[in-house]
All heavy atoms as atom14 arrays in JSON, in Angstrom:
{
  "sequence": "REAIERADDDQLEVATAGYTYAAGVLPLAVGPPGPARPAAHFIAGT",
  "atom14_mask": [
    [1, 1, 1, 1, 1, 1, 1, 1, 1, 1, 1, 0, 0, 0],
    [1, 1, 1, 1, 1, 1, 1, 1, 1, 0, 0, 0, 0, 0],
    [1, 1, 1, 1, 1, 0, 0, 0, 0, 0, 0, 0, 0, 0],
    [1, 1, 1, 1, 1, 1, 1, 1, 0, 0, 0, 0, 0, 0],
    [1, 1, 1, 1, 1, 1, 1, 1, 1, 0, 0, 0, 0, 0],
    [1, 1, 1, 1, 1, 1, 1, 1, 1, 1, 1, 0, 0, 0],
    [1, 1, 1, 1, 1, 0, 0, 0, 0, 0, 0, 0, 0, 0],
    [1, 1, 1, 1, 1, 1, 1, 1, 0, 0, 0, 0, 0, 0],
    [1, 1, 1, 1, 1, 1, 1, 1, 0, 0, 0, 0, 0, 0],
    [1, 1, 1, 1, 1, 1, 1, 1, 0, 0, 0, 0, 0, 0],
    [1, 1, 1, 1, 1, 1, 1, 1, 1, 0, 0, 0, 0, 0],
    [1, 1, 1, 1, 1, 1, 1, 1, 0, 0, 0, 0, 0, 0],
    [1, 1, 1, 1, 1, 1, 1, 1, 1, 0, 0, 0, 0, 0],
    [1, 1, 1, 1, 1, 1, 1, 0, 0, 0, 0, 0, 0, 0],
    [1, 1, 1, 1, 1, 0, 0, 0, 0, 0, 0, 0, 0, 0],
    [1, 1, 1, 1, 1, 1, 1, 0, 0, 0, 0, 0, 0, 0],
    [1, 1, 1, 1, 1, 0, 0, 0, 0, 0, 0, 0, 0, 0],
    [1, 1, 1, 1, 0, 0, 0, 0, 0, 0, 0, 0, 0, 0],
    [1, 1, 1, 1, 1, 1, 1, 1, 1, 1, 1, 1, 0, 0],
    [1, 1, 1, 1, 1, 1, 1, 0, 0, 0, 0, 0, 0, 0],
    [1, 1, 1, 1, 1, 1, 1, 1, 1, 1, 1, 1, 0, 0],
    [1, 1, 1, 1, 1, 0, 0, 0, 0, 0, 0, 0, 0, 0],
    [1, 1, 1, 1, 1, 0, 0, 0, 0, 0, 0, 0, 0, 0],
    [1, 1, 1, 1, 0, 0, 0, 0, 0, 0, 0, 0, 0, 0],
    [1, 1, 1, 1, 1, 1, 1, 0, 0, 0, 0, 0, 0, 0],
    [1, 1, 1, 1, 1, 1, 1, 1, 0, 0, 0, 0, 0, 0],
    [1, 1, 1, 1, 1, 1, 1, 0, 0, 0, 0, 0, 0, 0],
    [1, 1, 1, 1, 1, 1, 1, 1, 0, 0, 0, 0, 0, 0],
    [1, 1, 1, 1, 1, 0, 0, 0, 0, 0, 0, 0, 0, 0],
    [1, 1, 1, 1, 1, 1, 1, 0, 0, 0, 0, 0, 0, 0],
    [1, 1, 1, 1, 0, 0, 0, 0, 0, 0, 0, 0, 0, 0],
    [1, 1, 1, 1, 1, 1, 1, 0, 0, 0, 0, 0, 0, 0],
    [1, 1, 1, 1, 1, 1, 1, 0, 0, 0, 0, 0, 0, 0],
    [1, 1, 1, 1, 0, 0, 0, 0, 0, 0, 0, 0, 0, 0],
    [1, 1, 1, 1, 1, 1, 1, 0, 0, 0, 0, 0, 0, 0],
    [1, 1, 1, 1, 1, 0, 0, 0, 0, 0, 0, 0, 0, 0],
    [1, 1, 1, 1, 1, 1, 1, 1, 1, 1, 1, 0, 0, 0],
    [1, 1, 1, 1, 1, 1, 1, 0, 0, 0, 0, 0, 0, 0],
    [1, 1, 1, 1, 1, 0, 0, 0, 0, 0, 0, 0, 0, 0],
    [1, 1, 1, 1, 1, 0, 0, 0, 0, 0, 0, 0, 0, 0],
    [1, 1, 1, 1, 1, 1, 1, 1, 1, 1, 0, 0, 0, 0],
    [1, 1, 1, 1, 1, 1, 1, 1, 1, 1, 1, 0, 0, 0],
    [1, 1, 1, 1, 1, 1, 1, 1, 0, 0, 0, 0, 0, 0],
    [1, 1, 1, 1, 1, 0, 0, 0, 0, 0, 0, 0, 0, 0],
    [1, 1, 1, 1, 0, 0, 0, 0, 0, 0, 0, 0, 0, 0],
    [1, 1, 1, 1, 1, 1, 1, 0, 0, 0, 0, 0, 0, 0]
  ],
  "atom14_positions": [
    [[1.47, -14.05, -7.85], [1.09, -15.46, -7.84], [2.02, -16.27, -6.93], [1.57, -17.09, -6.13], [1.11, -16.02, -9.25], [0.71, -17.46, -9.32], [0.73, -17.98, -10.73], [0.39, -19.39, -10.72], [-0.07, -20.04, -11.73], [-0.26, -19.42, -12.88], [-0.35, -21.31, -11.64], [0.0, 0.0, 0.0], [0.0, 0.0, 0.0], [0.0, 0.0, 0.0]],
    [[3.32, -16.03, -7.04], [4.28, -16.75, -6.21], [4.07, -16.46, -4.73], [4.16, -17.36, -3.89], [5.7, -16.38, -6.63], [6.08, -16.95, -7.99], [7.37, -16.36, -8.55], [7.97, -15.46, -7.91], [7.77, -16.78, -9.66], [0.0, 0.0, 0.0], [0.0, 0.0, 0.0], [0.0, 0.0, 0.0], [0.0, 0.0, 0.0], [0.0, 0.0, 0.0]],
    [[3.79, -15.2, -4.4], [3.55, -14.85, -2.99], [2.29, -15.51, -2.46], [2.27, -16.02, -1.32], [3.45, -13.33, -2.85], [0.0, 0.0, 0.0], [0.0, 0.0, 0.0], [0.0, 0.0, 0.0], [0.0, 0.0, 0.0], [0.0, 0.0, 0.0], [0.0, 0.0, 0.0], [0.0, 0.0, 0.0], [0.0, 0.0, 0.0], [0.0, 0.0, 0.0]],
    [[1.24, -15.55, -3.26], [-0.01, -16.19, -2.83], [0.21, -17.69, -2.65], [-0.26, -18.29, -1.68], [-1.15, -15.9, -3.83], [-1.51, -14.42, -3.79], [-2.38, -16.77, -3.52], [-2.44, -13.98, -4.91], [0.0, 0.0, 0.0], [0.0, 0.0, 0.0], [0.0, 0.0, 0.0], [0.0, 0.0, 0.0], [0.0, 0.0, 0.0], [0.0, 0.0, 0.0]],
    [[0.93, -18.3, -3.57], [1.19, -19.74, -3.48], [2.03, -20.1, -2.26], [1.86, -21.17, -1.68], [1.86, -20.25, -4.76], [0.9, -20.28, -5.93], [1.56, -20.64, -7.25], [2.82, -20.63, -7.33], [0.83, -20.93, -8.21], [0.0, 0.0, 0.0], [0.0, 0.0, 0.0], [0.0, 0.0, 0.0], [0.0, 0.0, 0.0], [0.0, 0.0, 0.0]],
    [[2.93, -19.2, -1.84], [3.75, -19.44, -0.65], [2.97, -19.27, 0.65], [3.33, -19.82, 1.68], [4.95, -18.49, -0.62], [6.09, -18.87, -1.54], [7.33, -18.04, -1.25], [7.09, -16.61, -1.19], [7.17, -15.76, -2.22], [7.47, -16.21, -3.42], [6.95, -14.48, -2.06], [0.0, 0.0, 0.0], [0.0, 0.0, 0.0], [0.0, 0.0, 0.0]],
    [[1.91, -18.49, 0.62], [1.15, -18.18, 1.84], [0.32, -19.39, 2.27], [-0.28, -20.07, 1.45], [0.23, -16.98, 1.59], [0.0, 0.0, 0.0], [0.0, 0.0, 0.0], [0.0, 0.0, 0.0], [0.0, 0.0, 0.0], [0.0, 0.0, 0.0], [0.0, 0.0, 0.0], [0.0, 0.0, 0.0], [0.0, 0.0, 0.0], [0.0, 0.0, 0.0]],
    [[0.29, -19.6, 3.59], [-0.58, -20.66, 4.11], [-1.89, -20.04, 4.58], [-2.06, -18.81, 4.56], [0.12, -21.46, 5.22], [0.49, -20.62, 6.43], [-0.17, -19.58, 6.68], [1.44, -21.02, 7.14], [0.0, 0.0, 0.0], [0.0, 0.0, 0.0], [0.0, 0.0, 0.0], [0.0, 0.0, 0.0], [0.0, 0.0, 0.0], [0.0, 0.0, 0.0]],
    [[-2.82, -20.87, 5.0], [-4.14, -20.38, 5.41], [-4.05, -19.37, 6.55], [-4.76, -18.36, 6.56], [-5.04, -21.54, 5.82], [-5.48, -22.38, 4.64], [-5.31, -21.92, 3.49], [-5.99, -23.49, 4.86], [0.0, 0.0, 0.0], [0.0, 0.0, 0.0], [0.0, 0.0, 0.0], [0.0, 0.0, 0.0], [0.0, 0.0, 0.0], [0.0, 0.0, 0.0]],
    [[-3.17, -19.63, 7.52], [-3.04, -18.7, 8.64], [-2.58, -17.33, 8.17], [-3.07, -16.3, 8.64], [-2.06, -19.25, 9.68], [-2.62, -20.45, 10.43], [-3.86, -20.61, 10.47], [-1.82, -21.24, 10.97], [0.0, 0.0, 0.0], [0.0, 0.0, 0.0], [0.0, 0.0, 0.0], [0.0, 0.0, 0.0], [0.0, 0.0, 0.0], [0.0, 0.0, 0.0]],
    [[-1.65, -17.29, 7.24], [-1.17, -16.01, 6.72], [-2.27, -15.27, 5.96], [-2.36, -14.04, 6.04], [0.04, -16.23, 5.81], [1.28, -16.67, 6.56], [2.39, -17.06, 5.63], [2.18, -17.8, 4.67], [3.59, -16.58, 5.9], [0.0, 0.0, 0.0], [0.0, 0.0, 0.0], [0.0, 0.0, 0.0], [0.0, 0.0, 0.0], [0.0, 0.0, 0.0]],
    [[-3.11, -15.99, 5.26], [-4.18, -15.35, 4.49], [-5.3, -14.83, 5.39], [-6.1, -14.01, 4.97], [-4.75, -16.32, 3.46], [-3.79, -16.73, 2.34], [-4.43, -17.78, 1.45], [-3.36, -15.51, 1.53], [0.0, 0.0, 0.0], [0.0, 0.0, 0.0], [0.0, 0.0, 0.0], [0.0, 0.0, 0.0], [0.0, 0.0, 0.0], [0.0, 0.0, 0.0]],
    [[-5.34, -15.29, 6.63], [-6.37, -14.85, 7.56], [-5.9, -13.78, 8.54], [-6.69, -13.27, 9.33], [-6.92, -16.06, 8.32], [-7.67, -17.01, 7.4], [-8.12, -18.29, 8.08], [-7.99, -18.4, 9.32], [-8.59, -19.19, 7.36], [0.0, 0.0, 0.0], [0.0, 0.0, 0.0], [0.0, 0.0, 0.0], [0.0, 0.0, 0.0], [0.0, 0.0, 0.0]],
    [[-4.62, -13.4, 8.49], [-4.11, -12.36, 9.37], [-4.82, -11.05, 9.05], [-4.87, -10.62, 7.91], [-2.58, -12.19, 9.2], [-2.08, -10.96, 9.94], [-1.86, -13.44, 9.68], [0.0, 0.0, 0.0], [0.0, 0.0, 0.0], [0.0, 0.0, 0.0], [0.0, 0.0, 0.0], [0.0, 0.0, 0.0], [0.0, 0.0, 0.0], [0.0, 0.0, 0.0]],
    [[-5.37, -10.44, 10.09], [-6.09, -9.16, 9.91], [-5.11, -8.0, 9.95], [-4.24, -7.93, 10.82], [-7.15, -9.0, 10.98], [0.0, 0.0, 0.0], [0.0, 0.0, 0.0], [0.0, 0.0, 0.0], [0.0, 0.0, 0.0], [0.0, 0.0, 0.0], [0.0, 0.0, 0.0], [0.0, 0.0, 0.0], [0.0, 0.0, 0.0], [0.0, 0.0, 0.0]],
    [[-5.24, -7.1, 8.99], [-4.38, -5.93, 8.88], [-5.24, -4.73, 8.53], [-6.18, -4.84, 7.74], [-3.33, -6.14, 7.76], [-2.62, -7.35, 8.02], [-2.37, -4.99, 7.66], [0.0, 0.0, 0.0], [0.0, 0.0, 0.0], [0.0, 0.0, 0.0], [0.0, 0.0, 0.0], [0.0, 0.0, 0.0], [0.0, 0.0, 0.0], [0.0, 0.0, 0.0]],
    [[-4.89, -3.59, 9.11], [-5.63, -2.36, 8.8], [-5.27, -1.89, 7.4], [-4.13, -1.99, 6.97], [-5.3, -1.28, 9.81], [0.0, 0.0, 0.0], [0.0, 0.0, 0.0], [0.0, 0.0, 0.0], [0.0, 0.0, 0.0], [0.0, 0.0, 0.0], [0.0, 0.0, 0.0], [0.0, 0.0, 0.0], [0.0, 0.0, 0.0], [0.0, 0.0, 0.0]],
    [[-6.26, -1.39, 6.7], [-6.03, -0.78, 5.4], [-5.85, 0.72, 5.57], [-6.36, 1.31, 6.52], [0.0, 0.0, 0.0], [0.0, 0.0, 0.0], [0.0, 0.0, 0.0], [0.0, 0.0, 0.0], [0.0, 0.0, 0.0], [0.0, 0.0, 0.0], [0.0, 0.0, 0.0], [0.0, 0.0, 0.0], [0.0, 0.0, 0.0], [0.0, 0.0, 0.0]],
    [[-5.13, 1.33, 4.67], [-4.91, 2.78, 4.74], [-5.37, 3.41, 3.44], [-5.35, 2.8, 2.38], [-3.42, 3.09, 4.96], [-2.97, 2.74, 6.35], [-2.61, 1.44, 6.69], [-2.93, 3.71, 7.34], [-2.21, 1.11, 7.97], [-2.52, 3.39, 8.63], [-2.17, 2.1, 8.93], [-1.78, 1.78, 10.21], [0.0, 0.0, 0.0], [0.0, 0.0, 0.0]],
    [[-5.74, 4.66, 3.52], [-6.11, 5.42, 2.35], [-5.5, 6.81, 2.48], [-4.75, 7.08, 3.41], [-7.65, 5.47, 2.2], [-7.96, 6.07, 0.94], [-8.3, 6.25, 3.32], [0.0, 0.0, 0.0], [0.0, 0.0, 0.0], [0.0, 0.0, 0.0], [0.0, 0.0, 0.0], [0.0, 0.0, 0.0], [0.0, 0.0, 0.0], [0.0, 0.0, 0.0]],
    [[-5.84, 7.69, 1.58], [-5.34, 9.05, 1.65], [-6.04, 9.82, 2.76], [-7.22, 9.63, 3.02], [-5.56, 9.78, 0.33], [-4.88, 9.17, -0.86], [-5.6, 8.8, -1.98], [-3.51, 8.95, -0.86], [-4.97, 8.24, -3.08], [-2.87, 8.39, -1.95], [-3.61, 8.04, -3.06], [-2.98, 7.49, -4.14], [0.0, 0.0, 0.0], [0.0, 0.0, 0.0]],
    [[-5.31, 10.73, 3.39], [-5.9, 11.61, 4.39], [-6.81, 12.61, 3.66], [-6.44, 13.15, 2.62], [-4.82, 12.34, 5.18], [0.0, 0.0, 0.0], [0.0, 0.0, 0.0], [0.0, 0.0, 0.0], [0.0, 0.0, 0.0], [0.0, 0.0, 0.0], [0.0, 0.0, 0.0], [0.0, 0.0, 0.0], [0.0, 0.0, 0.0], [0.0, 0.0, 0.0]],
    [[-7.97, 12.86, 4.2], [-8.94, 13.76, 3.56], [-8.45, 15.21, 3.59], [-8.02, 15.7, 4.63], [-10.28, 13.66, 4.27], [0.0, 0.0, 0.0], [0.0, 0.0, 0.0], [0.0, 0.0, 0.0], [0.0, 0.0, 0.0], [0.0, 0.0, 0.0], [0.0, 0.0, 0.0], [0.0, 0.0, 0.0], [0.0, 0.0, 0.0], [0.0, 0.0, 0.0]],
    [[-8.52, 15.86, 2.44], [-8.23, 17.28, 2.35], [-6.78, 17.66, 2.57], [-6.48, 18.82, 2.81], [0.0, 0.0, 0.0], [0.0, 0.0, 0.0], [0.0, 0.0, 0.0], [0.0, 0.0, 0.0], [0.0, 0.0, 0.0], [0.0, 0.0, 0.0], [0.0, 0.0, 0.0], [0.0, 0.0, 0.0], [0.0, 0.0, 0.0], [0.0, 0.0, 0.0]],
    [[-5.86, 16.73, 2.47], [-4.45, 17.02, 2.7], [-3.71, 16.99, 1.37], [-3.75, 16.01, 0.65], [-3.81, 15.99, 3.67], [-2.33, 16.26, 3.83], [-4.53, 16.0, 5.0], [0.0, 0.0, 0.0], [0.0, 0.0, 0.0], [0.0, 0.0, 0.0], [0.0, 0.0, 0.0], [0.0, 0.0, 0.0], [0.0, 0.0, 0.0], [0.0, 0.0, 0.0]],
    [[-3.06, 18.1, 1.05], [-2.2, 18.17, -0.14], [-0.86, 18.74, 0.27], [-0.83, 19.73, 0.99], [-2.84, 19.04, -1.22], [-4.09, 18.46, -1.87], [-4.69, 19.46, -2.85], [-3.79, 17.15, -2.58], [0.0, 0.0, 0.0], [0.0, 0.0, 0.0], [0.0, 0.0, 0.0], [0.0, 0.0, 0.0], [0.0, 0.0, 0.0], [0.0, 0.0, 0.0]],
    [[0.25, 18.19, -0.13], [0.32, 16.99, -0.95], [-0.25, 15.79, -0.2], [-0.39, 15.81, 1.02], [1.81, 16.82, -1.22], [2.49, 17.54, -0.13], [1.57, 18.64, 0.29], [0.0, 0.0, 0.0], [0.0, 0.0, 0.0], [0.0, 0.0, 0.0], [0.0, 0.0, 0.0], [0.0, 0.0, 0.0], [0.0, 0.0, 0.0], [0.0, 0.0, 0.0]],
    [[-0.57, 14.75, -0.95], [-1.22, 13.58, -0.37], [-0.4, 12.98, 0.76], [0.82, 12.98, 0.73], [-1.45, 12.52, -1.44], [-2.48, 12.89, -2.5], [-2.58, 11.77, -3.52], [-3.84, 13.14, -1.88], [0.0, 0.0, 0.0], [0.0, 0.0, 0.0], [0.0, 0.0, 0.0], [0.0, 0.0, 0.0], [0.0, 0.0, 0.0], [0.0, 0.0, 0.0]],
    [[-1.12, 12.49, 1.75], [-0.49, 11.82, 2.88], [-1.36, 10.63, 3.26], [-2.54, 10.6, 2.98], [-0.39, 12.79, 4.07], [0.0, 0.0, 0.0], [0.0, 0.0, 0.0], [0.0, 0.0, 0.0], [0.0, 0.0, 0.0], [0.0, 0.0, 0.0], [0.0, 0.0, 0.0], [0.0, 0.0, 0.0], [0.0, 0.0, 0.0], [0.0, 0.0, 0.0]],
    [[-0.73, 9.68, 3.92], [-1.47, 8.51, 4.37], [-2.43, 8.93, 5.47], [-2.06, 9.67, 6.37], [-0.51, 7.42, 4.89], [-1.28, 6.24, 5.46], [0.39, 6.95, 3.76], [0.0, 0.0, 0.0], [0.0, 0.0, 0.0], [0.0, 0.0, 0.0], [0.0, 0.0, 0.0], [0.0, 0.0, 0.0], [0.0, 0.0, 0.0], [0.0, 0.0, 0.0]],
    [[-3.65, 8.48, 5.38], [-4.66, 8.79, 6.38], [-4.64, 7.82, 7.54], [-3.75, 6.96, 7.63], [0.0, 0.0, 0.0], [0.0, 0.0, 0.0], [0.0, 0.0, 0.0], [0.0, 0.0, 0.0], [0.0, 0.0, 0.0], [0.0, 0.0, 0.0], [0.0, 0.0, 0.0], [0.0, 0.0, 0.0], [0.0, 0.0, 0.0], [0.0, 0.0, 0.0]],
    [[-5.61, 7.92, 8.4], [-5.68, 7.02, 9.55], [-6.0, 5.59, 9.1], [-6.56, 5.39, 8.02], [-6.82, 7.59, 10.39], [-7.66, 8.34, 9.42], [-6.73, 8.85, 8.36], [0.0, 0.0, 0.0], [0.0, 0.0, 0.0], [0.0, 0.0, 0.0], [0.0, 0.0, 0.0], [0.0, 0.0, 0.0], [0.0, 0.0, 0.0], [0.0, 0.0, 0.0]],
    [[-5.64, 4.61, 9.92], [-5.93, 3.23, 9.53], [-7.42, 2.97, 9.46], [-8.2, 3.51, 10.23], [-5.28, 2.4, 10.64], [-5.15, 3.32, 11.79], [-5.02, 4.7, 11.22], [0.0, 0.0, 0.0], [0.0, 0.0, 0.0], [0.0, 0.0, 0.0], [0.0, 0.0, 0.0], [0.0, 0.0, 0.0], [0.0, 0.0, 0.0], [0.0, 0.0, 0.0]],
    [[-7.79, 2.13, 8.52], [-9.18, 1.71, 8.4], [-9.4, 0.44, 9.19], [-8.54, 0.01, 9.96], [0.0, 0.0, 0.0], [0.0, 0.0, 0.0], [0.0, 0.0, 0.0], [0.0, 0.0, 0.0], [0.0, 0.0, 0.0], [0.0, 0.0, 0.0], [0.0, 0.0, 0.0], [0.0, 0.0, 0.0], [0.0, 0.0, 0.0], [0.0, 0.0, 0.0]],
    [[-10.55, -0.19, 9.0], [-10.83, -1.42, 9.73], [-9.88, -2.55, 9.33], [-9.43, -2.61, 8.19], [-12.27, -1.76, 9.33], [-12.49, -1.05, 8.04], [-11.62, 0.17, 8.07], [0.0, 0.0, 0.0], [0.0, 0.0, 0.0], [0.0, 0.0, 0.0], [0.0, 0.0, 0.0], [0.0, 0.0, 0.0], [0.0, 0.0, 0.0], [0.0, 0.0, 0.0]],
    [[-9.58, -3.41, 10.3], [-8.71, -4.56, 10.01], [-9.48, -5.57, 9.17], [-10.66, -5.83, 9.41], [-8.25, -5.19, 11.32], [0.0, 0.0, 0.0], [0.0, 0.0, 0.0], [0.0, 0.0, 0.0], [0.0, 0.0, 0.0], [0.0, 0.0, 0.0], [0.0, 0.0, 0.0], [0.0, 0.0, 0.0], [0.0, 0.0, 0.0], [0.0, 0.0, 0.0]],
    [[-8.81, -6.09, 8.17], [-9.41, -7.07, 7.28], [-8.38, -8.19, 7.04], [-7.19, -7.96, 7.1], [-9.79, -6.44, 5.95], [-10.78, -5.29, 6.1], [-11.32, -4.9, 4.75], [-12.14, -3.71, 4.8], [-13.42, -3.7, 5.11], [-14.04, -4.81, 5.43], [-14.1, -2.58, 5.11], [0.0, 0.0, 0.0], [0.0, 0.0, 0.0], [0.0, 0.0, 0.0]],
    [[-8.86, -9.39, 6.71], [-7.92, -10.47, 6.44], [-7.11, -10.2, 5.16], [-7.55, -9.46, 4.28], [-8.82, -11.7, 6.27], [-10.16, -11.16, 5.94], [-10.25, -9.79, 6.58], [0.0, 0.0, 0.0], [0.0, 0.0, 0.0], [0.0, 0.0, 0.0], [0.0, 0.0, 0.0], [0.0, 0.0, 0.0], [0.0, 0.0, 0.0], [0.0, 0.0, 0.0]],
    [[-5.93, -10.81, 5.1], [-5.06, -10.61, 3.93], [-5.8, -10.94, 2.63], [-5.57, -10.29, 1.6], [-3.81, -11.47, 4.07], [0.0, 0.0, 0.0], [0.0, 0.0, 0.0], [0.0, 0.0, 0.0], [0.0, 0.0, 0.0], [0.0, 0.0, 0.0], [0.0, 0.0, 0.0], [0.0, 0.0, 0.0], [0.0, 0.0, 0.0], [0.0, 0.0, 0.0]],
    [[-6.69, -11.92, 2.68], [-7.44, -12.3, 1.47], [-8.22, -11.11, 0.9], [-8.39, -11.0, -0.32], [-8.37, -13.46, 1.77], [0.0, 0.0, 0.0], [0.0, 0.0, 0.0], [0.0, 0.0, 0.0], [0.0, 0.0, 0.0], [0.0, 0.0, 0.0], [0.0, 0.0, 0.0], [0.0, 0.0, 0.0], [0.0, 0.0, 0.0], [0.0, 0.0, 0.0]],
    [[-8.68, -10.2, 1.76], [-9.39, -9.0, 1.31], [-8.48, -8.14, 0.42], [-8.89, -7.65, -0.64], [-9.87, -8.2, 2.53], [-10.35, -6.83, 2.19], [-11.63, -6.6, 1.75], [-9.72, -5.63, 2.22], [-11.77, -5.29, 1.53], [-10.63, -4.69, 1.81], [0.0, 0.0, 0.0], [0.0, 0.0, 0.0], [0.0, 0.0, 0.0], [0.0, 0.0, 0.0]],
    [[-7.23, -7.96, 0.86], [-6.3, -7.13, 0.1], [-5.85, -7.83, -1.18], [-5.62, -7.19, -2.2], [-5.1, -6.76, 0.98], [-5.51, -5.92, 2.16], [-5.6, -6.49, 3.42], [-5.86, -4.6, 2.01], [-6.0, -5.73, 4.51], [-6.28, -3.83, 3.09], [-6.35, -4.4, 4.34], [0.0, 0.0, 0.0], [0.0, 0.0, 0.0], [0.0, 0.0, 0.0]],
    [[-5.76, -9.15, -1.13], [-5.42, -9.9, -2.34], [-6.54, -9.73, -3.37], [-6.27, -9.5, -4.56], [-5.18, -11.39, -2.01], [-3.9, -11.53, -1.19], [-5.1, -12.22, -3.29], [-3.71, -12.9, -0.59], [0.0, 0.0, 0.0], [0.0, 0.0, 0.0], [0.0, 0.0, 0.0], [0.0, 0.0, 0.0], [0.0, 0.0, 0.0], [0.0, 0.0, 0.0]],
    [[-7.79, -9.82, -2.93], [-8.91, -9.63, -3.85], [-8.87, -8.23, -4.47], [-9.1, -8.08, -5.68], [-10.24, -9.86, -3.12], [0.0, 0.0, 0.0], [0.0, 0.0, 0.0], [0.0, 0.0, 0.0], [0.0, 0.0, 0.0], [0.0, 0.0, 0.0], [0.0, 0.0, 0.0], [0.0, 0.0, 0.0], [0.0, 0.0, 0.0], [0.0, 0.0, 0.0]],
    [[-8.56, -7.22, -3.68], [-8.45, -5.85, -4.21], [-7.32, -5.73, -5.22], [-7.44, -5.06, -6.25], [0.0, 0.0, 0.0], [0.0, 0.0, 0.0], [0.0, 0.0, 0.0], [0.0, 0.0, 0.0], [0.0, 0.0, 0.0], [0.0, 0.0, 0.0], [0.0, 0.0, 0.0], [0.0, 0.0, 0.0], [0.0, 0.0, 0.0], [0.0, 0.0, 0.0]],
    [[-6.21, -6.4, -4.93], [-5.08, -6.38, -5.85], [-5.43, -7.06, -7.16], [-5.08, -6.58, -8.24], [-3.85, -7.05, -5.2], [-3.53, -6.33, -4.0], [-2.66, -7.05, -6.13], [0.0, 0.0, 0.0], [0.0, 0.0, 0.0], [0.0, 0.0, 0.0], [0.0, 0.0, 0.0], [0.0, 0.0, 0.0], [0.0, 0.0, 0.0], [0.0, 0.0, 0.0]]
  ]
}
């Protein structure tokens, strides 16, 4: 909540790539970057 309240509109609109697990890799590893989305997208997921 504190981080969201400190963020301004420009910060919430910064596009950033999302990451997921690499397919078929054990032990788990970070996969390739996904599409860039605004910070608000990641906040909604959180």
